[in-house]
Amino acid sequence: MTAKTGLEVMGATVTFDAETVVRDLSLSLAEGEVVAILGPSGCGKSTLLRAIAGLEPLAEGTVLWGGEDLARIAPHRRGFGLMFQDGQLFSHLSVAENVAYGLRVKGMGRDDRAARVAEMLGLVGLADAAERPVTELSGGQQQRVALARSLAPSPKLLMLDEPLSALDRELREQLAGDLATLLRQTRTTAILVTHDEAEATRIADRVLRMAGGELVA
C-alpha cells in the first residue's frame, strides 16, 4: 500500500530584505516519514521550518498538507509542532503541566489530558517525574519533556530544529536513538534539521542536504 503524501513544499523562496535565504526549494514527505535536512549553520534550514510552520512568509512558492494549500491557514491552525534546540519549557510549571500545555489549548478534558500526559511521560522515560519542577531536571531530561510536550497533541507534522545540539556527545547519541524510536512508535511525520550527519542518519528515514538556501545532491 502506497503511503499518503503529507507535506508538499513547492518552489519555496524566503527573503529577508534583499537577501534570499531559501531559494526555489521543493520537497515532500509521506505521512509517517521522518526526513532530516542536513547542512551547516546559516544555510536556511531553520528558516525553511519556520516557513512551513507559517511563521515566515513565502516570497514565492506553496506549502501544502494532504493537497491543501496552507497559505490562508494561520500557524496555530495548521496542526504542526515545532521543537527548538533549547526546548523552551515553561520554567514556572511542573513537568506534567508543561506536557499538558498543548492539550489544554486544544480543549482536551481533564481526565483525557491526564491520561495522555501519563502516556507521553512513560514513552520518554519520565513517568516518575510528573510533579517535579522542570528547573530541577538535567538538560537531557528537559529535552525529553520538550519532546513529550511536542508529541502530546499528535501533530500532523513535527519539526525539530537542532533538538539535541546543546547536549554533550554521549547524551546526544543516546537521545538520538530514543528519538528515532519514539517517532516511529507514535507514527509521527517529522522533519529534523541538524548539522550532525551521524544524528541525521540515525534518526531519519531519508537525509536531504542543504547549502546556500537550496537542496543539493
N, C-alpha and C. Protein backbone atom coordinates (compact mmCIF):
# COMPACT_ATOMS: atom_id res chain seq x y z
N MET A 1 0.85 -1.20 0.00
CA MET A 1 0.00 0.00 0.00
C MET A 1 0.89 1.25 0.00
N THR A 2 0.65 2.19 -0.92
CA THR A 2 1.45 3.38 -1.04
C THR A 2 1.11 4.37 0.07
N ALA A 3 2.15 4.93 0.70
CA ALA A 3 1.93 5.90 1.77
C ALA A 3 1.34 7.18 1.21
N LYS A 4 0.44 7.80 1.96
CA LYS A 4 -0.18 9.05 1.53
C LYS A 4 0.81 10.19 1.67
N THR A 5 0.80 11.09 0.70
CA THR A 5 1.64 12.28 0.80
C THR A 5 1.07 13.21 1.85
N GLY A 6 1.93 13.62 2.78
CA GLY A 6 1.52 14.56 3.80
C GLY A 6 1.92 15.97 3.42
N LEU A 7 3.20 16.27 3.57
CA LEU A 7 3.70 17.62 3.30
C LEU A 7 4.24 17.72 1.88
N GLU A 8 3.88 18.82 1.24
CA GLU A 8 4.49 19.17 -0.05
C GLU A 8 4.91 20.64 0.00
N VAL A 9 6.18 20.87 -0.29
CA VAL A 9 6.70 22.23 -0.42
C VAL A 9 7.12 22.39 -1.87
N MET A 10 6.57 23.40 -2.53
CA MET A 10 6.83 23.57 -3.97
C MET A 10 7.36 24.97 -4.26
N GLY A 11 8.61 25.03 -4.68
CA GLY A 11 9.22 26.30 -5.10
C GLY A 11 9.29 27.35 -4.02
N ALA A 12 9.52 26.93 -2.76
CA ALA A 12 9.52 27.88 -1.64
C ALA A 12 10.73 28.81 -1.71
N THR A 13 10.46 30.11 -1.62
CA THR A 13 11.50 31.13 -1.55
C THR A 13 11.19 32.05 -0.39
N VAL A 14 12.19 32.29 0.46
CA VAL A 14 12.03 33.18 1.60
C VAL A 14 13.13 34.23 1.52
N THR A 15 12.75 35.49 1.63
CA THR A 15 13.72 36.58 1.57
C THR A 15 13.63 37.44 2.82
N PHE A 16 14.77 37.95 3.26
CA PHE A 16 14.85 38.94 4.32
C PHE A 16 15.51 40.18 3.72
N ASP A 17 14.77 41.28 3.63
CA ASP A 17 15.24 42.48 2.94
C ASP A 17 15.66 42.08 1.52
N ALA A 18 16.92 42.27 1.17
CA ALA A 18 17.36 41.95 -0.20
C ALA A 18 18.00 40.57 -0.28
N GLU A 19 18.07 39.86 0.84
CA GLU A 19 18.77 38.58 0.87
C GLU A 19 17.79 37.42 0.72
N THR A 20 18.09 36.50 -0.19
CA THR A 20 17.29 35.28 -0.35
C THR A 20 17.88 34.20 0.53
N VAL A 21 17.11 33.74 1.51
CA VAL A 21 17.60 32.78 2.49
C VAL A 21 17.25 31.35 2.09
N VAL A 22 16.06 31.17 1.51
CA VAL A 22 15.63 29.89 0.94
C VAL A 22 15.24 30.16 -0.51
N ARG A 23 15.76 29.34 -1.43
CA ARG A 23 15.60 29.65 -2.85
C ARG A 23 14.96 28.49 -3.61
N ASP A 24 13.74 28.70 -4.11
CA ASP A 24 13.06 27.78 -5.03
C ASP A 24 13.20 26.32 -4.57
N LEU A 25 12.84 26.07 -3.31
CA LEU A 25 13.06 24.75 -2.70
C LEU A 25 11.79 23.92 -2.73
N SER A 26 11.93 22.68 -3.13
CA SER A 26 10.79 21.76 -3.18
C SER A 26 11.14 20.46 -2.47
N LEU A 27 10.19 19.93 -1.71
CA LEU A 27 10.36 18.64 -1.07
C LEU A 27 8.99 18.09 -0.71
N SER A 28 8.93 16.79 -0.43
CA SER A 28 7.68 16.18 0.01
C SER A 28 7.98 15.10 1.03
N LEU A 29 7.03 14.88 1.93
CA LEU A 29 7.10 13.83 2.94
C LEU A 29 5.83 13.02 2.90
N ALA A 30 5.97 11.71 2.93
CA ALA A 30 4.82 10.84 3.11
C ALA A 30 4.40 10.86 4.57
N GLU A 31 3.14 10.60 4.84
CA GLU A 31 2.69 10.51 6.23
C GLU A 31 3.45 9.40 6.94
N GLY A 32 3.96 9.71 8.12
CA GLY A 32 4.72 8.75 8.90
C GLY A 32 6.19 8.72 8.59
N GLU A 33 6.63 9.50 7.60
CA GLU A 33 8.05 9.51 7.23
C GLU A 33 8.82 10.52 8.08
N VAL A 34 10.08 10.19 8.37
CA VAL A 34 10.97 11.09 9.09
C VAL A 34 12.10 11.47 8.14
N VAL A 35 12.23 12.76 7.85
CA VAL A 35 13.25 13.27 6.94
C VAL A 35 14.16 14.22 7.69
N ALA A 36 15.46 14.08 7.48
CA ALA A 36 16.43 15.01 8.05
C ALA A 36 16.93 15.94 6.96
N ILE A 37 17.08 17.21 7.32
CA ILE A 37 17.72 18.18 6.44
C ILE A 37 19.05 18.54 7.07
N LEU A 38 20.12 18.17 6.39
CA LEU A 38 21.47 18.28 6.91
C LEU A 38 22.19 19.44 6.24
N GLY A 39 22.82 20.29 7.04
CA GLY A 39 23.56 21.39 6.44
C GLY A 39 24.20 22.26 7.50
N PRO A 40 25.14 23.12 7.09
CA PRO A 40 25.85 23.98 8.04
C PRO A 40 24.96 25.09 8.57
N SER A 41 25.41 25.74 9.63
CA SER A 41 24.69 26.89 10.16
C SER A 41 24.60 27.97 9.09
N GLY A 42 23.44 28.63 9.03
CA GLY A 42 23.26 29.71 8.08
C GLY A 42 22.83 29.30 6.69
N CYS A 43 22.55 28.00 6.48
CA CYS A 43 22.19 27.56 5.13
C CYS A 43 20.69 27.69 4.84
N GLY A 44 19.91 28.07 5.85
CA GLY A 44 18.47 28.27 5.65
C GLY A 44 17.58 27.18 6.22
N LYS A 45 18.17 26.22 6.94
CA LYS A 45 17.38 25.09 7.47
C LYS A 45 16.27 25.57 8.41
N SER A 46 16.62 26.37 9.39
CA SER A 46 15.63 26.82 10.37
C SER A 46 14.59 27.74 9.74
N THR A 47 15.02 28.57 8.80
CA THR A 47 14.08 29.44 8.11
C THR A 47 13.06 28.62 7.34
N LEU A 48 13.51 27.53 6.72
CA LEU A 48 12.58 26.66 6.00
C LEU A 48 11.53 26.10 6.94
N LEU A 49 11.93 25.64 8.13
CA LEU A 49 10.96 25.12 9.08
C LEU A 49 9.95 26.20 9.46
N ARG A 50 10.43 27.41 9.72
CA ARG A 50 9.54 28.48 10.12
C ARG A 50 8.56 28.84 9.00
N ALA A 51 9.03 28.73 7.75
CA ALA A 51 8.14 28.99 6.62
C ALA A 51 7.07 27.91 6.50
N ILE A 52 7.45 26.66 6.70
CA ILE A 52 6.48 25.56 6.68
C ILE A 52 5.44 25.74 7.79
N ALA A 53 5.92 26.19 8.95
CA ALA A 53 5.02 26.41 10.09
C ALA A 53 4.12 27.61 9.89
N GLY A 54 4.45 28.48 8.94
CA GLY A 54 3.68 29.69 8.72
C GLY A 54 4.18 30.88 9.51
N LEU A 55 5.36 30.75 10.10
CA LEU A 55 5.92 31.82 10.92
C LEU A 55 6.76 32.80 10.11
N GLU A 56 7.13 32.41 8.90
CA GLU A 56 7.82 33.29 7.96
C GLU A 56 7.04 33.28 6.64
N PRO A 57 6.81 34.44 6.04
CA PRO A 57 6.06 34.47 4.78
C PRO A 57 6.90 33.98 3.61
N LEU A 58 6.26 33.33 2.67
CA LEU A 58 6.91 32.92 1.44
C LEU A 58 6.87 34.07 0.44
N ALA A 59 8.03 34.38 -0.15
CA ALA A 59 8.06 35.34 -1.24
C ALA A 59 7.49 34.69 -2.50
N GLU A 60 7.76 33.40 -2.65
CA GLU A 60 7.22 32.62 -3.75
C GLU A 60 7.02 31.19 -3.26
N GLY A 61 6.18 30.43 -3.96
CA GLY A 61 6.02 29.02 -3.66
C GLY A 61 4.78 28.71 -2.84
N THR A 62 4.64 27.42 -2.54
CA THR A 62 3.44 26.91 -1.89
C THR A 62 3.80 25.84 -0.88
N VAL A 63 3.09 25.82 0.24
CA VAL A 63 3.19 24.74 1.22
C VAL A 63 1.81 24.08 1.31
N LEU A 64 1.77 22.76 1.14
CA LEU A 64 0.51 22.03 1.20
C LEU A 64 0.61 20.89 2.20
N TRP A 65 -0.54 20.55 2.78
CA TRP A 65 -0.64 19.35 3.59
C TRP A 65 -1.84 18.56 3.07
N GLY A 66 -1.59 17.31 2.69
CA GLY A 66 -2.66 16.49 2.13
C GLY A 66 -3.31 17.11 0.91
N GLY A 67 -2.52 17.87 0.15
CA GLY A 67 -3.04 18.53 -1.05
C GLY A 67 -3.69 19.87 -0.81
N GLU A 68 -3.84 20.29 0.44
CA GLU A 68 -4.48 21.58 0.76
C GLU A 68 -3.43 22.67 0.88
N ASP A 69 -3.63 23.76 0.16
CA ASP A 69 -2.74 24.92 0.24
C ASP A 69 -2.93 25.58 1.61
N LEU A 70 -1.81 25.78 2.33
CA LEU A 70 -1.88 26.31 3.68
C LEU A 70 -1.70 27.83 3.75
N ALA A 71 -1.67 28.49 2.60
CA ALA A 71 -1.37 29.93 2.58
C ALA A 71 -2.31 30.73 3.47
N ARG A 72 -3.57 30.35 3.53
CA ARG A 72 -4.55 31.10 4.31
C ARG A 72 -4.81 30.49 5.70
N ILE A 73 -4.02 29.46 6.04
CA ILE A 73 -4.20 28.80 7.34
C ILE A 73 -3.21 29.37 8.34
N ALA A 74 -3.70 29.93 9.43
CA ALA A 74 -2.83 30.52 10.45
C ALA A 74 -1.94 29.45 11.07
N PRO A 75 -0.75 29.84 11.54
CA PRO A 75 0.18 28.86 12.12
C PRO A 75 -0.45 27.97 13.19
N HIS A 76 -1.24 28.55 14.09
CA HIS A 76 -1.79 27.77 15.19
C HIS A 76 -2.92 26.84 14.75
N ARG A 77 -3.37 26.98 13.50
CA ARG A 77 -4.43 26.11 12.98
C ARG A 77 -3.91 25.05 12.02
N ARG A 78 -2.60 25.00 11.80
CA ARG A 78 -2.05 24.03 10.86
C ARG A 78 -1.89 22.64 11.48
N GLY A 79 -1.90 22.57 12.79
CA GLY A 79 -1.75 21.27 13.43
C GLY A 79 -0.32 20.76 13.41
N PHE A 80 0.65 21.67 13.25
CA PHE A 80 2.06 21.31 13.22
C PHE A 80 2.69 21.61 14.57
N GLY A 81 3.75 20.87 14.90
CA GLY A 81 4.52 21.13 16.11
C GLY A 81 5.94 21.54 15.74
N LEU A 82 6.54 22.40 16.55
CA LEU A 82 7.90 22.87 16.31
C LEU A 82 8.67 22.82 17.62
N MET A 83 9.72 22.01 17.65
CA MET A 83 10.56 21.86 18.84
C MET A 83 11.93 22.46 18.58
N PHE A 84 12.34 23.35 19.48
CA PHE A 84 13.59 24.09 19.29
C PHE A 84 14.74 23.46 20.07
N GLN A 85 15.93 23.97 19.79
CA GLN A 85 17.15 23.49 20.42
C GLN A 85 17.08 23.57 21.94
N ASP A 86 16.54 24.68 22.47
CA ASP A 86 16.54 24.87 23.92
C ASP A 86 15.26 24.36 24.59
N GLY A 87 14.36 23.75 23.80
CA GLY A 87 13.15 23.18 24.39
C GLY A 87 12.06 24.17 24.72
N GLN A 88 12.46 25.38 25.16
CA GLN A 88 11.52 26.45 25.51
C GLN A 88 10.42 25.97 26.45
N LEU A 89 10.83 25.30 27.52
CA LEU A 89 9.87 24.87 28.53
C LEU A 89 9.44 26.06 29.39
N PHE A 90 8.27 25.91 30.02
CA PHE A 90 7.78 26.94 30.93
C PHE A 90 8.36 26.65 32.32
N SER A 91 9.28 27.50 32.76
CA SER A 91 10.04 27.23 33.98
C SER A 91 9.17 27.26 35.24
N HIS A 92 8.02 27.92 35.18
CA HIS A 92 7.16 28.03 36.37
C HIS A 92 6.18 26.87 36.48
N LEU A 93 6.20 25.95 35.50
CA LEU A 93 5.27 24.82 35.50
C LEU A 93 6.01 23.52 35.79
N SER A 94 5.26 22.55 36.29
CA SER A 94 5.83 21.22 36.53
C SER A 94 6.01 20.49 35.20
N VAL A 95 6.66 19.34 35.27
CA VAL A 95 6.84 18.50 34.09
C VAL A 95 5.49 18.18 33.45
N ALA A 96 4.55 17.69 34.25
CA ALA A 96 3.24 17.31 33.73
C ALA A 96 2.51 18.51 33.15
N GLU A 97 2.60 19.66 33.81
CA GLU A 97 1.91 20.86 33.32
C GLU A 97 2.49 21.32 31.99
N ASN A 98 3.80 21.17 31.82
CA ASN A 98 4.42 21.50 30.54
C ASN A 98 3.89 20.60 29.44
N VAL A 99 3.85 19.30 29.70
CA VAL A 99 3.40 18.35 28.68
C VAL A 99 1.93 18.56 28.36
N ALA A 100 1.16 18.99 29.35
CA ALA A 100 -0.28 19.17 29.16
C ALA A 100 -0.63 20.46 28.44
N TYR A 101 0.33 21.35 28.25
CA TYR A 101 0.02 22.70 27.76
C TYR A 101 -0.74 22.67 26.43
N GLY A 102 -0.20 21.97 25.44
CA GLY A 102 -0.85 21.93 24.13
C GLY A 102 -2.20 21.25 24.17
N LEU A 103 -2.36 20.29 25.06
CA LEU A 103 -3.64 19.59 25.19
C LEU A 103 -4.70 20.52 25.78
N ARG A 104 -4.26 21.36 26.71
CA ARG A 104 -5.19 22.33 27.31
C ARG A 104 -5.63 23.34 26.26
N VAL A 105 -4.69 23.79 25.44
CA VAL A 105 -5.01 24.75 24.38
C VAL A 105 -6.02 24.14 23.41
N LYS A 106 -5.90 22.84 23.15
CA LYS A 106 -6.83 22.15 22.24
C LYS A 106 -8.19 21.92 22.87
N GLY A 107 -8.30 22.13 24.18
CA GLY A 107 -9.57 21.95 24.86
C GLY A 107 -9.84 20.54 25.31
N MET A 108 -8.81 19.70 25.42
CA MET A 108 -9.00 18.33 25.87
C MET A 108 -9.44 18.31 27.33
N GLY A 109 -10.36 17.44 27.68
CA GLY A 109 -10.87 17.34 29.04
C GLY A 109 -9.80 16.89 30.02
N ARG A 110 -10.04 17.15 31.30
CA ARG A 110 -9.04 16.91 32.33
C ARG A 110 -8.60 15.45 32.40
N ASP A 111 -9.55 14.52 32.40
CA ASP A 111 -9.21 13.10 32.52
C ASP A 111 -8.43 12.61 31.31
N ASP A 112 -8.89 12.98 30.12
CA ASP A 112 -8.18 12.58 28.90
C ASP A 112 -6.80 13.22 28.85
N ARG A 113 -6.73 14.45 29.32
CA ARG A 113 -5.44 15.15 29.34
C ARG A 113 -4.46 14.45 30.27
N ALA A 114 -4.93 14.08 31.46
CA ALA A 114 -4.05 13.41 32.42
C ALA A 114 -3.58 12.06 31.88
N ALA A 115 -4.46 11.35 31.20
CA ALA A 115 -4.08 10.05 30.63
C ALA A 115 -3.03 10.23 29.53
N ARG A 116 -3.20 11.24 28.69
CA ARG A 116 -2.25 11.48 27.60
C ARG A 116 -0.90 11.92 28.14
N VAL A 117 -0.90 12.76 29.17
CA VAL A 117 0.36 13.18 29.80
C VAL A 117 1.10 11.98 30.37
N ALA A 118 0.37 11.13 31.07
CA ALA A 118 0.99 9.93 31.64
C ALA A 118 1.57 9.04 30.55
N GLU A 119 0.84 8.90 29.45
CA GLU A 119 1.32 8.09 28.33
C GLU A 119 2.62 8.66 27.76
N MET A 120 2.65 9.98 27.55
CA MET A 120 3.83 10.62 26.96
C MET A 120 5.03 10.55 27.89
N LEU A 121 4.80 10.78 29.17
CA LEU A 121 5.92 10.71 30.11
C LEU A 121 6.46 9.29 30.23
N GLY A 122 5.57 8.30 30.09
CA GLY A 122 6.04 6.92 30.07
C GLY A 122 6.91 6.65 28.85
N LEU A 123 6.52 7.19 27.70
CA LEU A 123 7.28 6.97 26.47
C LEU A 123 8.67 7.58 26.54
N VAL A 124 8.82 8.74 27.21
CA VAL A 124 10.13 9.38 27.28
C VAL A 124 10.90 9.02 28.54
N GLY A 125 10.38 8.07 29.32
CA GLY A 125 11.11 7.59 30.49
C GLY A 125 11.08 8.51 31.69
N LEU A 126 10.03 9.32 31.81
CA LEU A 126 9.95 10.25 32.93
C LEU A 126 8.64 10.10 33.70
N ALA A 127 8.14 8.89 33.77
CA ALA A 127 6.85 8.64 34.43
C ALA A 127 6.86 9.07 35.89
N ASP A 128 8.01 9.00 36.54
CA ASP A 128 8.08 9.34 37.97
C ASP A 128 8.39 10.81 38.21
N ALA A 129 8.48 11.60 37.16
CA ALA A 129 8.90 13.00 37.32
C ALA A 129 7.76 13.99 37.08
N ALA A 130 6.53 13.51 37.01
CA ALA A 130 5.42 14.36 36.60
C ALA A 130 5.28 15.63 37.43
N GLU A 131 5.46 15.54 38.73
CA GLU A 131 5.22 16.70 39.59
C GLU A 131 6.47 17.52 39.86
N ARG A 132 7.59 17.14 39.30
CA ARG A 132 8.83 17.87 39.55
C ARG A 132 8.86 19.18 38.75
N PRO A 133 9.45 20.23 39.32
CA PRO A 133 9.67 21.44 38.53
C PRO A 133 10.67 21.14 37.41
N VAL A 134 10.45 21.68 36.23
CA VAL A 134 11.37 21.39 35.12
C VAL A 134 12.76 21.96 35.39
N THR A 135 12.84 22.95 36.27
CA THR A 135 14.14 23.56 36.58
C THR A 135 15.04 22.61 37.36
N GLU A 136 14.48 21.54 37.93
CA GLU A 136 15.28 20.58 38.68
C GLU A 136 15.82 19.46 37.79
N LEU A 137 15.47 19.45 36.52
CA LEU A 137 15.85 18.37 35.63
C LEU A 137 17.18 18.67 34.95
N SER A 138 17.86 17.60 34.53
CA SER A 138 19.06 17.76 33.73
C SER A 138 18.70 18.22 32.32
N GLY A 139 19.71 18.64 31.56
CA GLY A 139 19.45 19.09 30.20
C GLY A 139 18.81 18.01 29.35
N GLY A 140 19.28 16.77 29.49
CA GLY A 140 18.70 15.68 28.73
C GLY A 140 17.26 15.40 29.11
N GLN A 141 16.97 15.48 30.42
CA GLN A 141 15.60 15.26 30.87
C GLN A 141 14.69 16.38 30.38
N GLN A 142 15.19 17.61 30.37
CA GLN A 142 14.38 18.71 29.87
C GLN A 142 14.03 18.54 28.40
N GLN A 143 14.98 18.04 27.60
CA GLN A 143 14.68 17.81 26.20
C GLN A 143 13.66 16.68 26.03
N ARG A 144 13.68 15.69 26.92
CA ARG A 144 12.66 14.64 26.88
C ARG A 144 11.27 15.22 27.18
N VAL A 145 11.22 16.14 28.14
CA VAL A 145 9.95 16.80 28.44
C VAL A 145 9.48 17.61 27.23
N ALA A 146 10.40 18.33 26.60
CA ALA A 146 10.05 19.12 25.42
C ALA A 146 9.53 18.23 24.30
N LEU A 147 10.14 17.07 24.15
CA LEU A 147 9.68 16.14 23.12
C LEU A 147 8.30 15.60 23.47
N ALA A 148 8.09 15.23 24.73
CA ALA A 148 6.78 14.75 25.16
C ALA A 148 5.71 15.81 24.93
N ARG A 149 6.03 17.07 25.24
CA ARG A 149 5.08 18.17 25.03
C ARG A 149 4.76 18.34 23.55
N SER A 150 5.79 18.17 22.69
CA SER A 150 5.59 18.33 21.25
C SER A 150 4.74 17.21 20.67
N LEU A 151 4.90 15.99 21.20
CA LEU A 151 4.19 14.83 20.68
C LEU A 151 2.78 14.69 21.25
N ALA A 152 2.54 15.25 22.43
CA ALA A 152 1.27 15.03 23.13
C ALA A 152 0.04 15.38 22.30
N PRO A 153 0.03 16.50 21.56
CA PRO A 153 -1.18 16.84 20.79
C PRO A 153 -1.32 16.06 19.48
N SER A 154 -0.43 15.09 19.24
CA SER A 154 -0.44 14.29 18.00
C SER A 154 -0.39 15.20 16.77
N PRO A 155 0.70 15.97 16.61
CA PRO A 155 0.77 16.90 15.48
C PRO A 155 0.78 16.16 14.15
N LYS A 156 0.19 16.78 13.14
CA LYS A 156 0.25 16.22 11.80
C LYS A 156 1.71 16.12 11.34
N LEU A 157 2.49 17.13 11.69
CA LEU A 157 3.89 17.22 11.33
C LEU A 157 4.65 17.79 12.51
N LEU A 158 5.75 17.13 12.89
CA LEU A 158 6.61 17.64 13.95
C LEU A 158 7.92 18.09 13.32
N MET A 159 8.28 19.35 13.56
CA MET A 159 9.53 19.90 13.05
C MET A 159 10.50 20.10 14.21
N LEU A 160 11.67 19.54 14.08
CA LEU A 160 12.66 19.52 15.15
C LEU A 160 13.88 20.32 14.71
N ASP A 161 14.11 21.46 15.37
CA ASP A 161 15.18 22.37 14.97
C ASP A 161 16.39 22.17 15.88
N GLU A 162 17.35 21.35 15.42
CA GLU A 162 18.57 21.05 16.18
C GLU A 162 18.23 20.68 17.63
N PRO A 163 17.35 19.71 17.86
CA PRO A 163 16.85 19.47 19.22
C PRO A 163 17.88 18.91 20.19
N LEU A 164 18.99 18.38 19.69
CA LEU A 164 19.97 17.74 20.58
C LEU A 164 21.32 18.47 20.61
N SER A 165 21.44 19.56 19.88
CA SER A 165 22.75 20.16 19.68
C SER A 165 23.35 20.79 20.93
N ALA A 166 22.52 21.11 21.93
CA ALA A 166 23.04 21.73 23.15
C ALA A 166 23.55 20.70 24.16
N LEU A 167 23.39 19.41 23.86
CA LEU A 167 23.77 18.35 24.79
C LEU A 167 25.16 17.83 24.48
N ASP A 168 25.78 17.17 25.46
CA ASP A 168 27.11 16.61 25.20
C ASP A 168 26.98 15.38 24.31
N ARG A 169 28.11 15.00 23.71
CA ARG A 169 28.11 13.96 22.67
C ARG A 169 27.48 12.65 23.15
N GLU A 170 27.85 12.16 24.31
CA GLU A 170 27.32 10.88 24.78
C GLU A 170 25.80 10.93 24.94
N LEU A 171 25.31 12.02 25.52
CA LEU A 171 23.87 12.15 25.73
C LEU A 171 23.15 12.33 24.40
N ARG A 172 23.77 13.05 23.48
CA ARG A 172 23.17 13.23 22.16
C ARG A 172 22.97 11.90 21.45
N GLU A 173 23.98 11.04 21.53
CA GLU A 173 23.89 9.74 20.87
C GLU A 173 22.77 8.90 21.48
N GLN A 174 22.66 8.95 22.81
CA GLN A 174 21.61 8.19 23.48
C GLN A 174 20.23 8.71 23.09
N LEU A 175 20.06 10.04 23.14
CA LEU A 175 18.74 10.60 22.85
C LEU A 175 18.39 10.50 21.37
N ALA A 176 19.39 10.47 20.49
CA ALA A 176 19.11 10.29 19.07
C ALA A 176 18.43 8.94 18.83
N GLY A 177 18.95 7.91 19.49
CA GLY A 177 18.32 6.59 19.37
C GLY A 177 16.93 6.57 19.96
N ASP A 178 16.77 7.22 21.10
CA ASP A 178 15.44 7.28 21.74
C ASP A 178 14.45 8.05 20.87
N LEU A 179 14.93 9.15 20.26
CA LEU A 179 14.06 9.96 19.42
C LEU A 179 13.61 9.18 18.19
N ALA A 180 14.54 8.46 17.57
CA ALA A 180 14.18 7.65 16.40
C ALA A 180 13.10 6.64 16.76
N THR A 181 13.25 5.99 17.92
CA THR A 181 12.26 5.00 18.36
C THR A 181 10.90 5.65 18.63
N LEU A 182 10.92 6.79 19.31
CA LEU A 182 9.67 7.46 19.67
C LEU A 182 8.89 7.93 18.44
N LEU A 183 9.60 8.47 17.47
CA LEU A 183 8.90 8.96 16.28
C LEU A 183 8.21 7.82 15.55
N ARG A 184 8.82 6.66 15.56
CA ARG A 184 8.21 5.51 14.88
C ARG A 184 7.11 4.87 15.71
N GLN A 185 7.31 4.83 17.02
CA GLN A 185 6.26 4.30 17.89
C GLN A 185 4.98 5.12 17.76
N THR A 186 5.13 6.43 17.64
CA THR A 186 3.97 7.32 17.57
C THR A 186 3.55 7.60 16.12
N ARG A 187 4.26 7.00 15.16
CA ARG A 187 3.96 7.16 13.72
C ARG A 187 3.89 8.64 13.34
N THR A 188 4.83 9.39 13.85
CA THR A 188 4.86 10.84 13.63
C THR A 188 5.59 11.18 12.34
N THR A 189 4.98 12.02 11.53
CA THR A 189 5.64 12.59 10.37
C THR A 189 6.53 13.73 10.87
N ALA A 190 7.80 13.72 10.49
CA ALA A 190 8.72 14.69 11.11
C ALA A 190 9.80 15.15 10.15
N ILE A 191 10.22 16.39 10.36
CA ILE A 191 11.41 16.95 9.71
C ILE A 191 12.38 17.34 10.81
N LEU A 192 13.59 16.80 10.72
CA LEU A 192 14.67 17.14 11.64
C LEU A 192 15.69 17.98 10.88
N VAL A 193 16.08 19.13 11.42
CA VAL A 193 17.21 19.85 10.84
C VAL A 193 18.39 19.74 11.79
N THR A 194 19.55 19.49 11.22
CA THR A 194 20.74 19.27 12.02
C THR A 194 21.98 19.51 11.16
N HIS A 195 23.11 19.75 11.83
CA HIS A 195 24.40 19.82 11.13
C HIS A 195 25.22 18.56 11.39
N ASP A 196 24.63 17.59 12.12
CA ASP A 196 25.33 16.38 12.54
C ASP A 196 24.89 15.21 11.65
N GLU A 197 25.78 14.73 10.81
CA GLU A 197 25.42 13.68 9.86
C GLU A 197 25.06 12.38 10.55
N ALA A 198 25.81 12.00 11.60
CA ALA A 198 25.51 10.76 12.30
C ALA A 198 24.12 10.82 12.93
N GLU A 199 23.77 11.96 13.49
CA GLU A 199 22.45 12.16 14.09
C GLU A 199 21.36 12.05 13.02
N ALA A 200 21.60 12.67 11.88
CA ALA A 200 20.62 12.64 10.80
C ALA A 200 20.36 11.22 10.32
N THR A 201 21.41 10.46 10.08
CA THR A 201 21.24 9.11 9.55
C THR A 201 20.65 8.17 10.59
N ARG A 202 20.89 8.43 11.86
CA ARG A 202 20.36 7.56 12.90
C ARG A 202 18.86 7.78 13.10
N ILE A 203 18.42 9.02 12.98
CA ILE A 203 17.03 9.34 13.29
C ILE A 203 16.11 9.22 12.08
N ALA A 204 16.58 9.62 10.91
CA ALA A 204 15.69 9.81 9.75
C ALA A 204 15.63 8.59 8.84
N ASP A 205 14.50 8.50 8.13
CA ASP A 205 14.36 7.51 7.06
C ASP A 205 15.11 7.96 5.81
N ARG A 206 15.23 9.28 5.66
CA ARG A 206 15.82 9.85 4.45
C ARG A 206 16.53 11.14 4.84
N VAL A 207 17.71 11.38 4.26
CA VAL A 207 18.50 12.57 4.57
C VAL A 207 18.64 13.42 3.32
N LEU A 208 18.26 14.70 3.44
CA LEU A 208 18.44 15.68 2.37
C LEU A 208 19.51 16.67 2.81
N ARG A 209 20.29 17.14 1.86
CA ARG A 209 21.37 18.08 2.17
C ARG A 209 21.02 19.46 1.65
N MET A 210 21.37 20.46 2.46
CA MET A 210 21.03 21.83 2.13
C MET A 210 22.26 22.72 2.22
N ALA A 211 22.41 23.62 1.27
CA ALA A 211 23.51 24.60 1.27
C ALA A 211 23.05 25.82 0.50
N GLY A 212 23.39 27.00 1.03
CA GLY A 212 23.06 28.25 0.35
C GLY A 212 21.59 28.42 0.06
N GLY A 213 20.72 27.90 0.93
CA GLY A 213 19.28 28.07 0.76
C GLY A 213 18.64 27.10 -0.21
N GLU A 214 19.41 26.11 -0.71
CA GLU A 214 18.88 25.16 -1.68
C GLU A 214 19.19 23.73 -1.25
N LEU A 215 18.37 22.79 -1.69
CA LEU A 215 18.68 21.38 -1.52
C LEU A 215 19.70 21.00 -2.57
N VAL A 216 20.73 20.25 -2.14
CA VAL A 216 21.81 19.86 -3.05
C VAL A 216 21.93 18.34 -3.01
N ALA A 217 22.55 17.77 -4.02
CA ALA A 217 22.72 16.32 -4.10
C ALA A 217 23.68 15.84 -3.01
